[in-house]
Amino acid sequence: MDQYAVEDAPLTSAREAGQRAESPPVSASGGAALRFLTASIGARSVVEVGTGCGSSGIWLLRGMRDESVLTSVDIEPEYQELARSAYRRAGFAAGRVRLILGRGLHVLPRLTDGAYDMVFVDAEQAAYADYLTEALRLLRPGGIVVFNNALEAATSADGPLSAPDPGTAAVREVARQVRDDEDLIPLLLPIGEGLLAAIREAPRDSA
C-alpha cells in the first residue's frame, strides 16, 4: 500500500505540523484511501469532522472534483489556522474549504439534509454513534460515511477482567450498526489506523 501513498512536500509539512501540535494526522495509506473514495464517487461536497492540521483535508480535496467544497469542523482554532496554511501550500483556493469552529455534534445539525457526498469523522470516538446518526442524515443516496481509528477497536478482544473504554465500545457499536443496517453497505479497510466505511444505498423500489 505504501508505494501508492507517497507524500509530497505539502502533505509532509502538514503531517509534521500535526505531530508537533499533538494532533495525530491521518496516515499516508489512510489518506490515499480517502482520496480514492472521494474520486470514486465524484465527490463535490464533503464534511470532515476533525480538521487537525490539514493532512486529511488535502487528501480529500485531491480526490474531489474541481470547484468542489470541503466543510471541515474542529474545536481548536489553532489547528484550523495551521490547516488553512496547509491548504494554501497545497495549491487550493480559499473558497475550496469552509472551516467551521465548533464541536461536530453542535455544527452538523445545522447542515443541510442529503446535501453531501461524504462525511469523514476523525473526532471523539465515544461520540461515534451520534456522528453516524448525523452523517446518515447529511448524506445523499450513494454517499459514504467514513470513521477513522476503527481497526484496533474492531479487532481487539477484551480480557476476562477488563472492559473496553468508552471510545472502543463506541467504535464497536458503530461497526455493529453499519453491519446490521440493510440500507448500508459496510466495509472495514485495514489500512493505517483503520477506516470503517459505509455506503448509504438509494431507497429500493417497493414494486
Protein backbone atom coordinates (compact mmCIF):
# COMPACT_ATOMS: atom_id res chain seq x y z
CA MET A 1 0.00 0.00 0.00
CA ASP A 2 2.81 2.42 0.87
CA GLN A 3 4.02 2.67 -2.72
CA TYR A 4 0.62 4.12 -3.66
CA ALA A 5 0.62 6.65 -0.79
CA VAL A 6 3.66 8.84 -1.37
CA GLU A 7 3.59 12.19 0.43
CA ASP A 8 4.73 15.34 -1.34
CA ALA A 9 6.05 18.47 0.38
CA PRO A 10 2.63 19.97 1.38
CA LEU A 11 1.49 16.67 2.92
CA THR A 12 4.78 16.13 4.73
CA SER A 13 4.61 19.66 6.12
CA ALA A 14 1.01 19.17 7.28
CA ARG A 15 1.83 15.82 8.89
CA GLU A 16 4.81 17.26 10.74
CA ALA A 17 2.71 20.21 11.92
CA GLY A 18 0.12 17.78 13.26
CA GLN A 19 2.75 15.79 15.11
CA ARG A 20 4.18 18.94 16.71
CA ALA A 21 0.70 20.10 17.71
CA GLU A 22 -0.18 16.68 19.16
CA SER A 23 -2.98 16.34 16.61
CA PRO A 24 -2.22 12.91 15.12
CA PRO A 25 -2.51 13.15 11.32
CA VAL A 26 -4.12 10.52 9.14
CA SER A 27 -1.57 8.03 7.84
CA ALA A 28 -0.45 8.24 4.23
CA SER A 29 -2.19 4.96 3.41
CA GLY A 30 -5.38 6.14 5.12
CA GLY A 31 -5.19 9.43 3.26
CA ALA A 32 -4.70 7.66 -0.06
CA ALA A 33 -7.84 5.63 0.68
CA LEU A 34 -9.79 8.82 1.39
CA ARG A 35 -8.63 10.30 -1.91
CA PHE A 36 -9.62 7.10 -3.72
CA LEU A 37 -13.10 7.10 -2.15
CA THR A 38 -13.85 10.74 -2.95
CA ALA A 39 -12.62 10.30 -6.51
CA SER A 40 -14.64 7.10 -6.98
CA ILE A 41 -17.94 8.88 -6.28
CA GLY A 42 -17.02 12.18 -7.93
CA ALA A 43 -17.46 13.99 -4.64
CA ARG A 44 -18.35 17.67 -4.82
CA SER A 45 -19.33 18.30 -1.20
CA VAL A 46 -17.63 16.62 1.76
CA VAL A 47 -17.88 17.15 5.52
CA GLU A 48 -14.86 16.44 7.71
CA VAL A 49 -15.17 16.31 11.49
CA GLY A 50 -11.70 16.85 12.91
CA THR A 51 -9.71 19.31 10.78
CA GLY A 52 -6.46 18.60 12.56
CA CYS A 53 -3.63 20.41 10.82
CA GLY A 54 -4.82 19.75 7.28
CA SER A 55 -3.42 16.35 6.23
CA SER A 56 -6.74 14.57 5.73
CA GLY A 57 -8.25 17.65 4.12
CA ILE A 58 -5.54 17.71 1.46
CA TRP A 59 -6.09 14.03 0.68
CA LEU A 60 -9.86 14.56 0.45
CA LEU A 61 -9.57 17.65 -1.74
CA ARG A 62 -7.19 15.89 -4.11
CA GLY A 63 -9.85 13.29 -4.81
CA MET A 64 -12.75 15.73 -5.06
CA ARG A 65 -13.85 17.36 -8.29
CA ASP A 66 -12.70 20.81 -9.35
CA GLU A 67 -14.74 23.61 -7.76
CA SER A 68 -15.90 21.23 -5.01
CA VAL A 69 -16.04 22.37 -1.37
CA LEU A 70 -14.75 20.69 1.78
CA THR A 71 -16.52 21.67 5.01
CA SER A 72 -14.17 20.96 7.91
CA VAL A 73 -15.13 21.24 11.60
CA ASP A 74 -12.82 21.41 14.61
CA ILE A 75 -12.90 22.78 18.16
CA GLU A 76 -9.31 24.06 18.07
CA PRO A 77 -8.78 27.41 16.28
CA GLU A 78 -5.01 26.97 16.13
CA TYR A 79 -5.42 23.67 14.29
CA GLN A 80 -7.64 25.30 11.71
CA GLU A 81 -5.14 28.11 11.14
CA LEU A 82 -2.42 25.53 10.53
CA ALA A 83 -4.77 23.66 8.20
CA ARG A 84 -5.58 26.85 6.30
CA SER A 85 -1.87 27.35 5.65
CA ALA A 86 -1.53 23.70 4.60
CA TYR A 87 -4.33 24.01 2.05
CA ARG A 88 -2.73 27.14 0.63
CA ARG A 89 0.67 25.41 0.30
CA ALA A 90 -1.07 22.52 -1.47
CA GLY A 91 -2.45 24.98 -4.05
CA PHE A 92 -6.13 25.06 -3.06
CA ALA A 93 -8.01 28.33 -3.31
CA ALA A 94 -9.53 29.68 -0.11
CA GLY A 95 -13.03 29.11 -1.49
CA ARG A 96 -12.46 25.35 -1.73
CA VAL A 97 -12.57 24.94 2.07
CA ARG A 98 -15.17 26.09 4.58
CA LEU A 99 -13.65 25.93 8.06
CA ILE A 100 -16.16 25.93 10.93
CA LEU A 101 -15.03 26.30 14.52
CA GLY A 102 -17.04 24.23 16.97
CA ARG A 103 -17.85 20.77 18.26
CA GLY A 104 -19.00 18.48 15.48
CA LEU A 105 -22.24 17.47 17.17
CA HIS A 106 -23.15 21.15 17.56
CA VAL A 107 -22.29 22.03 13.95
CA LEU A 108 -23.60 19.06 11.95
CA PRO A 109 -27.28 19.58 12.91
CA ARG A 110 -27.09 22.98 11.19
CA LEU A 111 -26.00 21.50 7.85
CA THR A 112 -28.44 20.61 5.08
CA ASP A 113 -30.05 17.16 4.90
CA GLY A 114 -28.96 14.96 1.99
CA ALA A 115 -26.55 17.56 0.61
CA TYR A 116 -23.21 15.79 1.00
CA ASP A 117 -21.33 13.09 -0.87
CA MET A 118 -19.12 12.03 2.03
CA VAL A 119 -18.77 12.53 5.77
CA PHE A 120 -15.37 11.73 7.28
CA VAL A 121 -15.19 11.52 11.07
CA ASP A 122 -11.86 11.69 12.90
CA ALA A 123 -13.00 13.01 16.26
CA GLU A 124 -14.03 11.86 19.73
CA GLN A 125 -14.58 8.12 19.40
CA ALA A 126 -17.02 7.97 22.29
CA ALA A 127 -19.43 10.04 20.18
CA TYR A 128 -19.14 7.94 17.01
CA ALA A 129 -22.68 6.58 17.29
CA ASP A 130 -24.07 10.12 17.38
CA TYR A 131 -21.88 11.07 14.43
CA LEU A 132 -23.26 8.12 12.47
CA THR A 133 -26.80 9.38 13.04
CA GLU A 134 -25.87 12.85 11.82
CA ALA A 135 -23.87 11.54 8.87
CA LEU A 136 -26.73 9.42 7.56
CA ARG A 137 -28.97 12.48 7.64
CA LEU A 138 -26.45 14.57 5.72
CA LEU A 139 -25.57 12.02 3.04
CA ARG A 140 -27.21 11.79 -0.34
CA PRO A 141 -28.16 8.29 -1.56
CA GLY A 142 -24.90 6.69 -2.66
CA GLY A 143 -22.89 8.84 -0.27
CA ILE A 144 -20.23 7.41 2.02
CA VAL A 145 -19.56 7.82 5.73
CA VAL A 146 -16.04 7.01 6.94
CA PHE A 147 -14.75 6.71 10.51
CA ASN A 148 -11.04 6.84 11.30
CA ASN A 149 -9.25 4.86 14.03
CA ALA A 150 -11.58 1.89 13.70
CA LEU A 151 -9.19 -1.03 13.31
CA GLU A 152 -7.93 -1.63 16.85
CA ALA A 153 -11.38 -1.39 18.43
CA ALA A 154 -12.93 -3.61 15.79
CA THR A 155 -10.33 -6.37 16.06
CA SER A 156 -9.16 -6.37 19.68
CA ALA A 157 -10.66 -8.61 22.32
CA ASP A 158 -11.23 -7.78 25.96
CA GLY A 159 -9.68 -9.88 28.69
CA PRO A 160 -11.80 -11.70 31.27
CA LEU A 161 -11.19 -8.99 33.86
CA SER A 162 -11.32 -5.95 31.59
CA ALA A 163 -13.94 -3.94 29.78
CA PRO A 164 -13.49 -1.66 26.77
CA ASP A 165 -13.08 2.06 27.34
CA PRO A 166 -15.94 4.30 26.11
CA GLY A 167 -14.19 5.10 22.84
CA THR A 168 -13.53 1.46 21.99
CA ALA A 169 -17.08 0.49 22.95
CA ALA A 170 -18.48 3.26 20.74
CA VAL A 171 -16.45 2.18 17.72
CA ARG A 172 -17.64 -1.39 18.15
CA GLU A 173 -21.23 -0.23 18.43
CA VAL A 174 -20.95 1.80 15.23
CA ALA A 175 -19.39 -1.19 13.48
CA ARG A 176 -22.34 -3.31 14.60
CA GLN A 177 -24.83 -0.70 13.43
CA VAL A 178 -23.38 -0.39 9.95
CA ARG A 179 -23.22 -4.19 9.62
CA ASP A 180 -26.83 -4.62 10.68
CA ASP A 181 -28.38 -1.73 8.74
CA GLU A 182 -29.83 -3.11 5.50
CA ASP A 183 -29.64 0.34 3.91
CA LEU A 184 -25.86 0.47 4.30
CA ILE A 185 -23.04 -1.32 2.51
CA PRO A 186 -20.22 -1.60 5.11
CA LEU A 187 -16.50 -2.18 4.76
CA LEU A 188 -13.61 -2.13 7.24
CA LEU A 189 -10.40 -1.12 5.48
CA PRO A 190 -7.42 -2.49 7.46
CA ILE A 191 -5.02 0.26 6.44
CA GLY A 192 -3.46 2.99 8.53
CA GLU A 193 -5.48 3.41 11.71
CA GLY A 194 -8.38 1.51 10.15
CA LEU A 195 -11.21 3.10 8.18
CA LEU A 196 -14.76 1.94 8.79
CA ALA A 197 -16.80 2.93 5.74
CA ALA A 198 -20.42 2.53 4.70
CA ILE A 199 -22.32 3.49 1.57
CA ARG A 200 -25.85 4.82 2.06
CA GLU A 201 -27.88 2.95 -0.53
CA ALA A 202 -30.60 4.59 -2.57
CA PRO A 203 -34.15 3.69 -1.49
CA ARG A 204 -35.33 0.45 -3.06
CA ASP A 205 -38.44 0.38 -5.24
CA SER A 206 -41.42 -1.09 -3.40
CA ALA A 207 -42.83 -2.59 -6.56
